[in-house]
Structure formats: C-alpha cells, structure tokens
N, C-alpha and C. Protein backbone atom coordinates (compact mmCIF):
# COMPACT_ATOMS: atom_id res chain seq x y z
N UNK A 1 -92.99 20.18 -32.78
CA UNK A 1 -94.39 20.15 -32.39
C UNK A 1 -94.62 21.19 -31.29
N UNK A 2 -95.69 21.94 -31.46
CA UNK A 2 -96.03 22.96 -30.46
C UNK A 2 -96.62 22.29 -29.23
N UNK A 3 -96.16 22.70 -28.08
CA UNK A 3 -96.72 22.22 -26.82
C UNK A 3 -97.19 23.40 -25.99
N UNK A 4 -98.36 23.26 -25.42
CA UNK A 4 -98.95 24.29 -24.58
C UNK A 4 -99.29 23.68 -23.23
N UNK A 5 -98.82 24.31 -22.17
CA UNK A 5 -99.06 23.78 -20.82
C UNK A 5 -99.68 24.88 -19.97
N UNK A 6 -100.92 24.65 -19.56
CA UNK A 6 -101.63 25.61 -18.73
C UNK A 6 -101.37 25.36 -17.26
N UNK A 7 -101.48 26.41 -16.47
CA UNK A 7 -101.39 26.29 -15.02
C UNK A 7 -102.13 27.45 -14.38
N UNK A 8 -102.37 27.34 -13.09
CA UNK A 8 -102.97 28.45 -12.36
C UNK A 8 -104.43 28.27 -11.99
N UNK A 9 -105.05 27.18 -12.45
CA UNK A 9 -106.44 26.96 -12.10
C UNK A 9 -106.59 26.58 -10.63
N UNK A 10 -107.84 26.51 -10.18
CA UNK A 10 -108.08 26.13 -8.80
C UNK A 10 -109.51 26.36 -8.38
N UNK A 11 -109.74 26.20 -7.10
CA UNK A 11 -111.06 26.41 -6.50
C UNK A 11 -111.03 27.72 -5.72
N UNK A 12 -111.92 28.63 -6.09
CA UNK A 12 -111.97 29.93 -5.43
C UNK A 12 -113.42 30.31 -5.17
N UNK A 13 -113.59 31.30 -4.32
CA UNK A 13 -114.93 31.81 -4.04
C UNK A 13 -115.31 32.90 -5.04
N UNK A 14 -116.58 33.08 -5.21
CA UNK A 14 -117.07 34.14 -6.08
C UNK A 14 -116.50 35.48 -5.63
N UNK A 15 -116.12 36.28 -6.62
CA UNK A 15 -115.52 37.58 -6.33
C UNK A 15 -114.00 37.56 -6.28
N UNK A 16 -113.43 36.37 -6.25
CA UNK A 16 -111.98 36.23 -6.19
C UNK A 16 -111.34 36.41 -7.56
N UNK A 17 -110.01 36.31 -7.55
CA UNK A 17 -109.24 36.45 -8.78
C UNK A 17 -108.31 35.25 -8.95
N UNK A 18 -108.00 34.95 -10.19
CA UNK A 18 -107.01 33.94 -10.53
C UNK A 18 -106.24 34.43 -11.75
N UNK A 19 -105.01 33.95 -11.90
CA UNK A 19 -104.28 34.20 -13.11
C UNK A 19 -103.84 32.87 -13.70
N UNK A 20 -104.30 32.62 -14.90
CA UNK A 20 -103.89 31.43 -15.63
C UNK A 20 -102.65 31.75 -16.47
N UNK A 21 -101.80 30.77 -16.60
CA UNK A 21 -100.62 30.89 -17.44
C UNK A 21 -100.61 29.76 -18.45
N UNK A 22 -100.02 30.03 -19.59
CA UNK A 22 -99.86 29.01 -20.63
C UNK A 22 -98.45 29.15 -21.19
N UNK A 23 -97.63 28.17 -20.92
CA UNK A 23 -96.27 28.17 -21.43
C UNK A 23 -96.21 27.40 -22.73
N UNK A 24 -95.62 28.04 -23.73
CA UNK A 24 -95.55 27.44 -25.07
C UNK A 24 -94.12 27.06 -25.42
N UNK A 25 -93.99 26.02 -26.21
CA UNK A 25 -92.69 25.60 -26.69
C UNK A 25 -92.85 24.95 -28.05
N UNK A 26 -91.75 24.84 -28.77
CA UNK A 26 -91.77 24.13 -30.04
C UNK A 26 -91.67 25.01 -31.27
N UNK A 27 -91.78 26.34 -31.10
CA UNK A 27 -91.62 27.23 -32.24
C UNK A 27 -91.45 28.65 -31.70
N UNK A 28 -91.28 29.62 -32.61
CA UNK A 28 -91.11 31.01 -32.21
C UNK A 28 -92.44 31.55 -31.71
N UNK A 29 -92.55 31.70 -30.42
CA UNK A 29 -93.82 32.07 -29.78
C UNK A 29 -94.32 33.42 -30.24
N UNK A 30 -93.44 34.37 -30.41
CA UNK A 30 -93.84 35.76 -30.61
C UNK A 30 -94.53 36.02 -31.94
N UNK A 31 -94.52 35.08 -32.86
CA UNK A 31 -95.09 35.32 -34.19
C UNK A 31 -96.57 34.96 -34.29
N UNK A 32 -97.14 34.34 -33.26
CA UNK A 32 -98.44 33.71 -33.40
C UNK A 32 -99.48 34.25 -32.41
N UNK A 33 -100.71 34.45 -32.91
CA UNK A 33 -101.81 34.78 -31.98
C UNK A 33 -102.06 33.64 -31.02
N UNK A 34 -102.55 34.01 -29.83
CA UNK A 34 -102.88 33.03 -28.80
C UNK A 34 -104.28 33.30 -28.29
N UNK A 35 -104.89 32.28 -27.74
CA UNK A 35 -106.25 32.46 -27.23
C UNK A 35 -106.53 31.59 -26.03
N UNK A 36 -107.64 31.92 -25.39
CA UNK A 36 -108.17 31.11 -24.28
C UNK A 36 -109.62 30.75 -24.59
N UNK A 37 -109.94 29.52 -24.35
CA UNK A 37 -111.29 29.01 -24.47
C UNK A 37 -111.65 28.32 -23.16
N UNK A 38 -112.94 28.04 -22.97
CA UNK A 38 -113.35 27.29 -21.79
C UNK A 38 -114.51 26.37 -22.13
N UNK A 39 -114.63 25.33 -21.33
CA UNK A 39 -115.71 24.38 -21.54
C UNK A 39 -116.26 23.96 -20.19
N UNK A 40 -117.52 24.27 -19.98
CA UNK A 40 -118.21 23.87 -18.76
C UNK A 40 -118.87 22.51 -18.97
N UNK A 41 -119.16 21.79 -17.90
CA UNK A 41 -119.78 20.47 -18.04
C UNK A 41 -121.09 20.54 -18.82
N UNK A 42 -121.21 19.69 -19.82
CA UNK A 42 -122.42 19.63 -20.60
C UNK A 42 -122.58 20.72 -21.63
N UNK A 43 -121.54 21.55 -21.78
CA UNK A 43 -121.63 22.67 -22.73
C UNK A 43 -120.51 22.57 -23.75
N UNK A 44 -120.68 23.28 -24.84
CA UNK A 44 -119.65 23.31 -25.87
C UNK A 44 -118.51 24.24 -25.45
N UNK A 45 -117.37 24.00 -26.04
CA UNK A 45 -116.23 24.87 -25.79
C UNK A 45 -116.55 26.26 -26.32
N UNK A 46 -116.25 27.28 -25.53
CA UNK A 46 -116.56 28.65 -25.94
C UNK A 46 -115.32 29.55 -25.87
N UNK A 47 -115.33 30.53 -26.73
CA UNK A 47 -114.24 31.51 -26.80
C UNK A 47 -114.26 32.40 -25.56
N UNK A 48 -113.08 32.70 -25.05
CA UNK A 48 -112.95 33.61 -23.91
C UNK A 48 -112.21 34.88 -24.33
N UNK A 49 -111.02 34.70 -24.91
CA UNK A 49 -110.21 35.86 -25.25
C UNK A 49 -109.10 35.45 -26.19
N UNK A 50 -108.57 36.43 -26.92
CA UNK A 50 -107.44 36.18 -27.81
C UNK A 50 -106.56 37.42 -27.87
N UNK A 51 -105.30 37.19 -28.23
CA UNK A 51 -104.33 38.27 -28.30
C UNK A 51 -103.47 38.08 -29.54
N UNK A 52 -103.16 39.17 -30.21
CA UNK A 52 -102.40 39.02 -31.44
C UNK A 52 -100.92 38.80 -31.12
N UNK A 53 -100.13 38.66 -32.16
CA UNK A 53 -98.73 38.25 -31.98
C UNK A 53 -97.93 39.27 -31.18
N UNK A 54 -98.25 40.55 -31.34
CA UNK A 54 -97.48 41.59 -30.66
C UNK A 54 -98.00 41.90 -29.27
N UNK A 55 -99.24 41.51 -29.02
CA UNK A 55 -99.86 41.85 -27.74
C UNK A 55 -100.62 43.15 -27.77
N UNK A 56 -100.61 43.84 -28.91
CA UNK A 56 -101.26 45.16 -28.97
C UNK A 56 -102.74 45.09 -29.32
N UNK A 57 -103.21 43.93 -29.70
CA UNK A 57 -104.62 43.78 -30.04
C UNK A 57 -105.20 42.59 -29.28
N UNK A 58 -106.35 42.83 -28.67
CA UNK A 58 -107.01 41.78 -27.90
C UNK A 58 -108.51 41.80 -28.18
N UNK A 59 -109.14 40.65 -27.98
CA UNK A 59 -110.59 40.55 -28.08
C UNK A 59 -111.09 39.70 -26.93
N UNK A 60 -112.35 39.95 -26.53
CA UNK A 60 -112.94 39.24 -25.40
C UNK A 60 -114.37 38.84 -25.71
N UNK A 61 -114.79 37.76 -25.10
CA UNK A 61 -116.20 37.42 -25.10
C UNK A 61 -116.94 38.44 -24.25
N UNK A 62 -118.18 38.71 -24.61
CA UNK A 62 -118.96 39.69 -23.85
C UNK A 62 -119.10 39.29 -22.39
N UNK A 63 -119.15 38.01 -22.14
CA UNK A 63 -119.37 37.51 -20.78
C UNK A 63 -118.21 37.78 -19.83
N UNK A 64 -117.03 38.06 -20.38
CA UNK A 64 -115.85 38.29 -19.52
C UNK A 64 -115.27 39.68 -19.69
N UNK A 65 -115.78 40.44 -20.62
CA UNK A 65 -115.24 41.76 -20.90
C UNK A 65 -115.33 42.63 -19.65
N UNK A 66 -114.21 43.28 -19.33
CA UNK A 66 -114.16 44.12 -18.14
C UNK A 66 -113.73 43.38 -16.89
N UNK A 67 -113.74 42.06 -16.93
CA UNK A 67 -113.32 41.26 -15.77
C UNK A 67 -112.03 40.48 -16.05
N UNK A 68 -111.85 40.05 -17.27
CA UNK A 68 -110.68 39.26 -17.64
C UNK A 68 -109.73 40.10 -18.48
N UNK A 69 -108.43 39.82 -18.35
CA UNK A 69 -107.42 40.49 -19.14
C UNK A 69 -106.43 39.47 -19.67
N UNK A 70 -106.25 39.47 -20.97
CA UNK A 70 -105.27 38.60 -21.59
C UNK A 70 -104.00 39.39 -21.85
N UNK A 71 -102.86 38.74 -21.68
CA UNK A 71 -101.59 39.39 -21.95
C UNK A 71 -100.58 38.32 -22.34
N UNK A 72 -99.45 38.77 -22.84
CA UNK A 72 -98.41 37.81 -23.22
C UNK A 72 -97.04 38.39 -22.93
N UNK A 73 -96.13 37.50 -22.63
CA UNK A 73 -94.73 37.86 -22.45
C UNK A 73 -93.95 37.04 -23.47
N UNK A 74 -93.61 37.66 -24.56
CA UNK A 74 -92.95 36.92 -25.64
C UNK A 74 -91.55 36.45 -25.24
N UNK A 75 -90.92 37.15 -24.34
CA UNK A 75 -89.60 36.72 -23.88
C UNK A 75 -89.68 35.42 -23.08
N UNK A 76 -90.83 35.19 -22.45
CA UNK A 76 -91.03 33.97 -21.66
C UNK A 76 -91.89 32.94 -22.39
N UNK A 77 -92.30 33.26 -23.61
CA UNK A 77 -93.17 32.36 -24.38
C UNK A 77 -94.40 31.94 -23.57
N UNK A 78 -95.01 32.91 -22.96
CA UNK A 78 -96.13 32.64 -22.07
C UNK A 78 -97.26 33.62 -22.31
N UNK A 79 -98.48 33.10 -22.29
CA UNK A 79 -99.66 33.93 -22.36
C UNK A 79 -100.42 33.77 -21.04
N UNK A 80 -101.03 34.85 -20.60
CA UNK A 80 -101.71 34.88 -19.32
C UNK A 80 -103.19 35.24 -19.50
N UNK A 81 -103.99 34.83 -18.53
CA UNK A 81 -105.37 35.27 -18.45
C UNK A 81 -105.63 35.65 -17.00
N UNK A 82 -105.73 36.93 -16.77
CA UNK A 82 -106.04 37.43 -15.44
C UNK A 82 -107.56 37.48 -15.33
N UNK A 83 -108.10 36.82 -14.32
CA UNK A 83 -109.54 36.73 -14.14
C UNK A 83 -109.93 37.35 -12.80
N UNK A 84 -110.65 38.45 -12.87
CA UNK A 84 -111.12 39.14 -11.67
C UNK A 84 -112.62 38.98 -11.53
N UNK A 85 -113.11 39.26 -10.32
CA UNK A 85 -114.55 39.21 -10.04
C UNK A 85 -115.18 37.92 -10.57
N UNK A 86 -114.56 36.82 -10.23
CA UNK A 86 -115.03 35.54 -10.75
C UNK A 86 -116.43 35.22 -10.26
N UNK A 87 -117.19 34.57 -11.15
CA UNK A 87 -118.57 34.19 -10.87
C UNK A 87 -118.69 32.66 -10.97
N UNK A 88 -119.69 32.09 -10.33
CA UNK A 88 -119.87 30.64 -10.46
C UNK A 88 -120.01 30.18 -11.91
N UNK A 89 -120.58 31.02 -12.74
CA UNK A 89 -120.73 30.64 -14.15
C UNK A 89 -119.43 30.67 -14.93
N UNK A 90 -118.35 31.11 -14.31
CA UNK A 90 -117.03 31.02 -14.93
C UNK A 90 -116.40 29.64 -14.72
N UNK A 91 -117.05 28.81 -13.94
CA UNK A 91 -116.54 27.47 -13.69
C UNK A 91 -116.45 26.68 -14.99
N UNK A 92 -115.26 26.17 -15.28
CA UNK A 92 -115.03 25.45 -16.53
C UNK A 92 -113.59 24.95 -16.57
N UNK A 93 -113.32 24.13 -17.55
CA UNK A 93 -111.93 23.83 -17.89
C UNK A 93 -111.48 24.88 -18.90
N UNK A 94 -110.37 25.51 -18.61
CA UNK A 94 -109.86 26.58 -19.46
C UNK A 94 -108.71 26.04 -20.30
N UNK A 95 -108.79 26.29 -21.60
CA UNK A 95 -107.81 25.79 -22.55
C UNK A 95 -107.06 26.93 -23.21
N UNK A 96 -105.77 26.77 -23.32
CA UNK A 96 -104.92 27.67 -24.08
C UNK A 96 -104.86 27.17 -25.52
N UNK A 97 -104.82 28.10 -26.47
CA UNK A 97 -104.78 27.72 -27.86
C UNK A 97 -103.81 28.62 -28.62
N UNK A 98 -103.19 28.06 -29.65
CA UNK A 98 -102.24 28.80 -30.46
C UNK A 98 -102.60 28.69 -31.92
N UNK A 99 -102.45 29.81 -32.61
CA UNK A 99 -102.73 29.81 -34.05
C UNK A 99 -101.64 29.05 -34.81
N UNK A 100 -102.04 28.47 -35.92
CA UNK A 100 -101.06 27.81 -36.80
C UNK A 100 -100.41 28.80 -37.75
N UNK A 101 -100.99 29.99 -37.87
CA UNK A 101 -100.57 30.95 -38.87
C UNK A 101 -99.89 32.16 -38.23
N UNK A 102 -98.65 32.37 -38.61
CA UNK A 102 -97.91 33.50 -38.08
C UNK A 102 -98.55 34.82 -38.51
N UNK A 103 -98.59 35.75 -37.57
CA UNK A 103 -99.08 37.11 -37.82
C UNK A 103 -100.53 37.14 -38.31
N UNK A 104 -101.28 36.10 -38.01
CA UNK A 104 -102.68 36.05 -38.44
C UNK A 104 -103.52 37.08 -37.70
N UNK A 105 -104.61 37.48 -38.33
CA UNK A 105 -105.56 38.36 -37.66
C UNK A 105 -106.30 37.59 -36.59
N UNK A 106 -106.76 38.31 -35.59
CA UNK A 106 -107.44 37.64 -34.48
C UNK A 106 -108.79 37.10 -34.91
N UNK A 107 -109.11 35.92 -34.41
CA UNK A 107 -110.42 35.34 -34.65
C UNK A 107 -110.95 34.71 -33.39
N UNK A 108 -112.26 34.61 -33.30
CA UNK A 108 -112.89 34.09 -32.09
C UNK A 108 -113.20 32.61 -32.16
N UNK A 109 -113.24 32.07 -33.34
CA UNK A 109 -113.64 30.68 -33.46
C UNK A 109 -112.49 29.74 -33.22
N UNK A 110 -112.79 28.52 -32.73
CA UNK A 110 -111.73 27.53 -32.52
C UNK A 110 -111.00 27.15 -33.81
N UNK A 111 -111.62 27.37 -34.96
CA UNK A 111 -110.96 27.04 -36.23
C UNK A 111 -109.75 27.92 -36.50
N UNK A 112 -109.62 29.02 -35.75
CA UNK A 112 -108.47 29.91 -35.90
C UNK A 112 -107.25 29.42 -35.14
N UNK A 113 -107.41 28.34 -34.39
CA UNK A 113 -106.32 27.86 -33.53
C UNK A 113 -106.10 26.38 -33.79
N UNK A 114 -104.86 26.03 -34.07
CA UNK A 114 -104.56 24.66 -34.43
C UNK A 114 -103.89 23.84 -33.35
N UNK A 115 -103.46 24.50 -32.29
CA UNK A 115 -102.78 23.80 -31.20
C UNK A 115 -103.49 24.12 -29.88
N UNK A 116 -103.62 23.10 -29.06
CA UNK A 116 -104.38 23.22 -27.82
C UNK A 116 -103.63 22.60 -26.66
N UNK A 117 -103.82 23.22 -25.49
CA UNK A 117 -103.29 22.62 -24.27
C UNK A 117 -104.25 21.60 -23.70
N UNK A 118 -103.87 21.02 -22.58
CA UNK A 118 -104.68 19.99 -21.94
C UNK A 118 -105.76 20.57 -21.06
N UNK A 119 -105.66 21.83 -20.72
CA UNK A 119 -106.68 22.48 -19.91
C UNK A 119 -106.35 22.53 -18.44
N UNK A 120 -106.92 23.52 -17.77
CA UNK A 120 -106.78 23.66 -16.32
C UNK A 120 -108.16 23.99 -15.75
N UNK A 121 -108.51 23.33 -14.67
CA UNK A 121 -109.83 23.47 -14.10
C UNK A 121 -109.93 24.73 -13.24
N UNK A 122 -110.98 25.49 -13.47
CA UNK A 122 -111.31 26.64 -12.63
C UNK A 122 -112.71 26.40 -12.06
N UNK A 123 -112.80 26.41 -10.75
CA UNK A 123 -114.08 26.20 -10.08
C UNK A 123 -114.34 27.38 -9.16
N UNK A 124 -115.49 28.02 -9.36
CA UNK A 124 -115.85 29.19 -8.57
C UNK A 124 -117.08 28.83 -7.74
N UNK A 125 -116.93 28.88 -6.44
CA UNK A 125 -118.04 28.55 -5.55
C UNK A 125 -118.80 29.80 -5.17
N UNK A 126 -120.09 29.63 -4.94
CA UNK A 126 -120.93 30.80 -4.60
C UNK A 126 -120.94 31.06 -3.12
C-alpha cells in the first residue's frame, strides 16, 4: 500500500517562504507522477502543481505560477513544494498525491491521482 506523509507546513507571514515535503513508501517512487493539491476552509480541493515521473515536466495552477516550485528526489522517494512570496489566500491544507499509473502523462484533476496524504496545514497571516 502506498503511503504519503507530508511535512513542512506552518504559520508564516505574507511574503515568507515554506518548503513542503512528501515522503512516499510502498512502491517504486520514481515511476509515478506526483502532485500537490490544497483545500481552504469552505472551498473545494484545488490543483496546485504536478511533476512527472522523471522530474523533467511540471505543471502549475495559474494562481501559484512563478511563486511555487515542485521538485522530486527519486533517490529519497520525496516530492517537494517550494512556496515563495506566500499570500494569505495560499492558506489551506496542502495534500500530496500520487498517480496510480506508472509513467502516466501529467494531469491537473484529482482523478489522475489515486493515493493521498493526510495533509499539512499552511497558514499565511497578513
């Protein structure tokens, strides 16, 4: 069974940076696309970013493009989300997600990811 454990969330001021980590276990990490989603109170879960199995292809939501960077270290079975210039509207629970399909093309919808972490809270104060 695939397990995903997020870490790195916290309370920061607007303009600050955070790096989220997601450690994966239970299968060969390097074969599968990974993604980050977030859910703010009272809102639906939304796509943030995704990275393909090799790390050479990435996609971002327009709201975070230029501020967030997704990366992965296949040797450590870990995917990261570097978040710069944080805004109060970035406040949410951030979820790591893993595709069920090896070498799959990147997709933005949650239907492209079959495994989910428990989430880590990011709170940005103004």
